[in-house]
């Protein structure tokens, strides 16, 4: 694994679109739920949002664990 591959994996992130898909809502709904509650456009977060966030975090953790294993496998002792 080279530097670019390793840092591409490091900089990989979860998008608004990915969360919206996991919750079966629109991206606009995600953005509105992230606004301050005092904002006129604020909307309540989608139901079951905690479970969806946990699933996405677990997926991301697995991604980073694979990256760690690959990097350690390439480490020079």
C-alpha atoms as a PDB file:
ATOM      1  CA  UNK A   1       0.000   0.000   0.000  1.00  0.00           C
ATOM      2  CA  UNK A   2       1.396   3.361  -0.927  1.00  0.00           C
ATOM      3  CA  UNK A   3       0.909   6.769   0.717  1.00  0.00           C
ATOM      4  CA  UNK A   4      -1.918   7.812  -1.609  1.00  0.00           C
ATOM      5  CA  UNK A   5      -3.892   4.588  -1.076  1.00  0.00           C
ATOM      6  CA  UNK A   6      -3.432   4.827   2.696  1.00  0.00           C
ATOM      7  CA  UNK A   7      -4.479   8.473   2.896  1.00  0.00           C
ATOM      8  CA  UNK A   8      -7.421   7.929   0.517  1.00  0.00           C
ATOM      9  CA  UNK A   9      -8.662   5.345   3.004  1.00  0.00           C
ATOM     10  CA  UNK A  10      -8.013   7.701   5.897  1.00  0.00           C
ATOM     11  CA  UNK A  11      -9.935  10.591   4.322  1.00  0.00           C
ATOM     12  CA  UNK A  12     -12.938   8.450   3.361  1.00  0.00           C
ATOM     13  CA  UNK A  13     -16.061   9.786   5.085  1.00  0.00           C
ATOM     14  CA  UNK A  14     -19.784   9.314   5.487  1.00  0.00           C
ATOM     15  CA  UNK A  15     -21.870  11.664   3.365  1.00  0.00           C
ATOM     16  CA  UNK A  16     -25.269  13.236   3.875  1.00  0.00           C
ATOM     17  CA  UNK A  17     -26.448  11.026   1.007  1.00  0.00           C
ATOM     18  CA  UNK A  18     -25.281   7.847   2.720  1.00  0.00           C
ATOM     19  CA  UNK A  19     -27.125   8.735   5.938  1.00  0.00           C
ATOM     20  CA  UNK A  20     -30.233   9.727   3.988  1.00  0.00           C
ATOM     21  CA  UNK A  21     -30.179   6.361   2.199  1.00  0.00           C
ATOM     22  CA  UNK A  22     -29.769   4.491   5.490  1.00  0.00           C
ATOM     23  CA  UNK A  23     -32.804   6.306   6.890  1.00  0.00           C
ATOM     24  CA  UNK A  24     -34.858   6.256   3.657  1.00  0.00           C
ATOM     25  CA  UNK A  25     -35.266  10.028   3.756  1.00  0.00           C
ATOM     26  CA  UNK A  26     -34.126  12.915   1.593  1.00  0.00           C
ATOM     27  CA  UNK A  27     -30.796  14.678   1.935  1.00  0.00           C
ATOM     28  CA  UNK A  28     -32.773  17.854   2.652  1.00  0.00           C
ATOM     29  CA  UNK A  29     -34.332  16.128   5.684  1.00  0.00           C
ATOM     30  CA  UNK A  30     -30.875  15.304   7.026  1.00  0.00           C
ATOM     31  CA  UNK A  31     -29.663  18.862   6.511  1.00  0.00           C
ATOM     32  CA  UNK A  32     -32.757  20.351   8.149  1.00  0.00           C
ATOM     33  CA  UNK A  33     -32.430  18.065  11.172  1.00  0.00           C
ATOM     34  CA  UNK A  34     -28.815  19.236  11.609  1.00  0.00           C
ATOM     35  CA  UNK A  35     -29.795  22.907  11.820  1.00  0.00           C
ATOM     36  CA  UNK A  36     -30.031  24.669  15.180  1.00  0.00           C
ATOM     37  CA  UNK A  37     -33.460  24.034  16.698  1.00  0.00           C
ATOM     38  CA  UNK A  38     -34.091  27.788  16.591  1.00  0.00           C
ATOM     39  CA  UNK A  39     -33.739  27.881  12.787  1.00  0.00           C
ATOM     40  CA  UNK A  40     -36.928  28.390  10.817  1.00  0.00           C
ATOM     41  CA  UNK A  41     -36.127  25.444   8.513  1.00  0.00           C
ATOM     42  CA  UNK A  42     -35.297  23.047  11.395  1.00  0.00           C
ATOM     43  CA  UNK A  43     -37.077  19.688  11.306  1.00  0.00           C
ATOM     44  CA  UNK A  44     -37.034  16.840  13.803  1.00  0.00           C
ATOM     45  CA  UNK A  45     -34.502  14.090  13.040  1.00  0.00           C
ATOM     46  CA  UNK A  46     -35.840  10.986  11.288  1.00  0.00           C
ATOM     47  CA  UNK A  47     -37.129   8.166  13.463  1.00  0.00           C
ATOM     48  CA  UNK A  48     -34.595   5.465  14.288  1.00  0.00           C
ATOM     49  CA  UNK A  49     -31.713   7.818  13.464  1.00  0.00           C
ATOM     50  CA  UNK A  50     -29.590   6.441  16.306  1.00  0.00           C
ATOM     51  CA  UNK A  51     -29.660   2.899  14.891  1.00  0.00           C
ATOM     52  CA  UNK A  52     -28.725   4.146  11.429  1.00  0.00           C
ATOM     53  CA  UNK A  53     -25.829   6.205  12.799  1.00  0.00           C
ATOM     54  CA  UNK A  54     -24.580   3.208  14.789  1.00  0.00           C
ATOM     55  CA  UNK A  55     -24.677   0.992  11.670  1.00  0.00           C
ATOM     56  CA  UNK A  56     -22.749   3.577   9.649  1.00  0.00           C
ATOM     57  CA  UNK A  57     -20.168   4.035  12.417  1.00  0.00           C
ATOM     58  CA  UNK A  58     -19.707   0.268  12.684  1.00  0.00           C
ATOM     59  CA  UNK A  59     -19.202   0.112   8.915  1.00  0.00           C
ATOM     60  CA  UNK A  60     -16.645   2.933   9.137  1.00  0.00           C
ATOM     61  CA  UNK A  61     -14.859   1.180  12.037  1.00  0.00           C
ATOM     62  CA  UNK A  62     -14.577  -1.976   9.942  1.00  0.00           C
ATOM     63  CA  UNK A  63     -13.156   0.144   7.106  1.00  0.00           C
ATOM     64  CA  UNK A  64     -10.508   1.641   9.395  1.00  0.00           C
ATOM     65  CA  UNK A  65      -9.674  -1.739  10.930  1.00  0.00           C
ATOM     66  CA  UNK A  66      -9.031  -3.123   7.434  1.00  0.00           C
ATOM     67  CA  UNK A  67      -6.859  -0.094   6.675  1.00  0.00           C
ATOM     68  CA  UNK A  68      -4.863  -0.655   9.888  1.00  0.00           C
ATOM     69  CA  UNK A  69      -4.318  -4.331   9.033  1.00  0.00           C
ATOM     70  CA  UNK A  70      -3.173  -3.465   5.527  1.00  0.00           C
ATOM     71  CA  UNK A  71      -0.785  -0.808   6.816  1.00  0.00           C
ATOM     72  CA  UNK A  72       0.635  -3.096   9.503  1.00  0.00           C
ATOM     73  CA  UNK A  73       1.065  -5.813   6.889  1.00  0.00           C
ATOM     74  CA  UNK A  74       3.166  -3.387   4.846  1.00  0.00           C
ATOM     75  CA  UNK A  75       5.106  -2.027   7.814  1.00  0.00           C
ATOM     76  CA  UNK A  76       8.862  -2.359   7.645  1.00  0.00           C
ATOM     77  CA  UNK A  77      10.318  -3.732  10.869  1.00  0.00           C
END
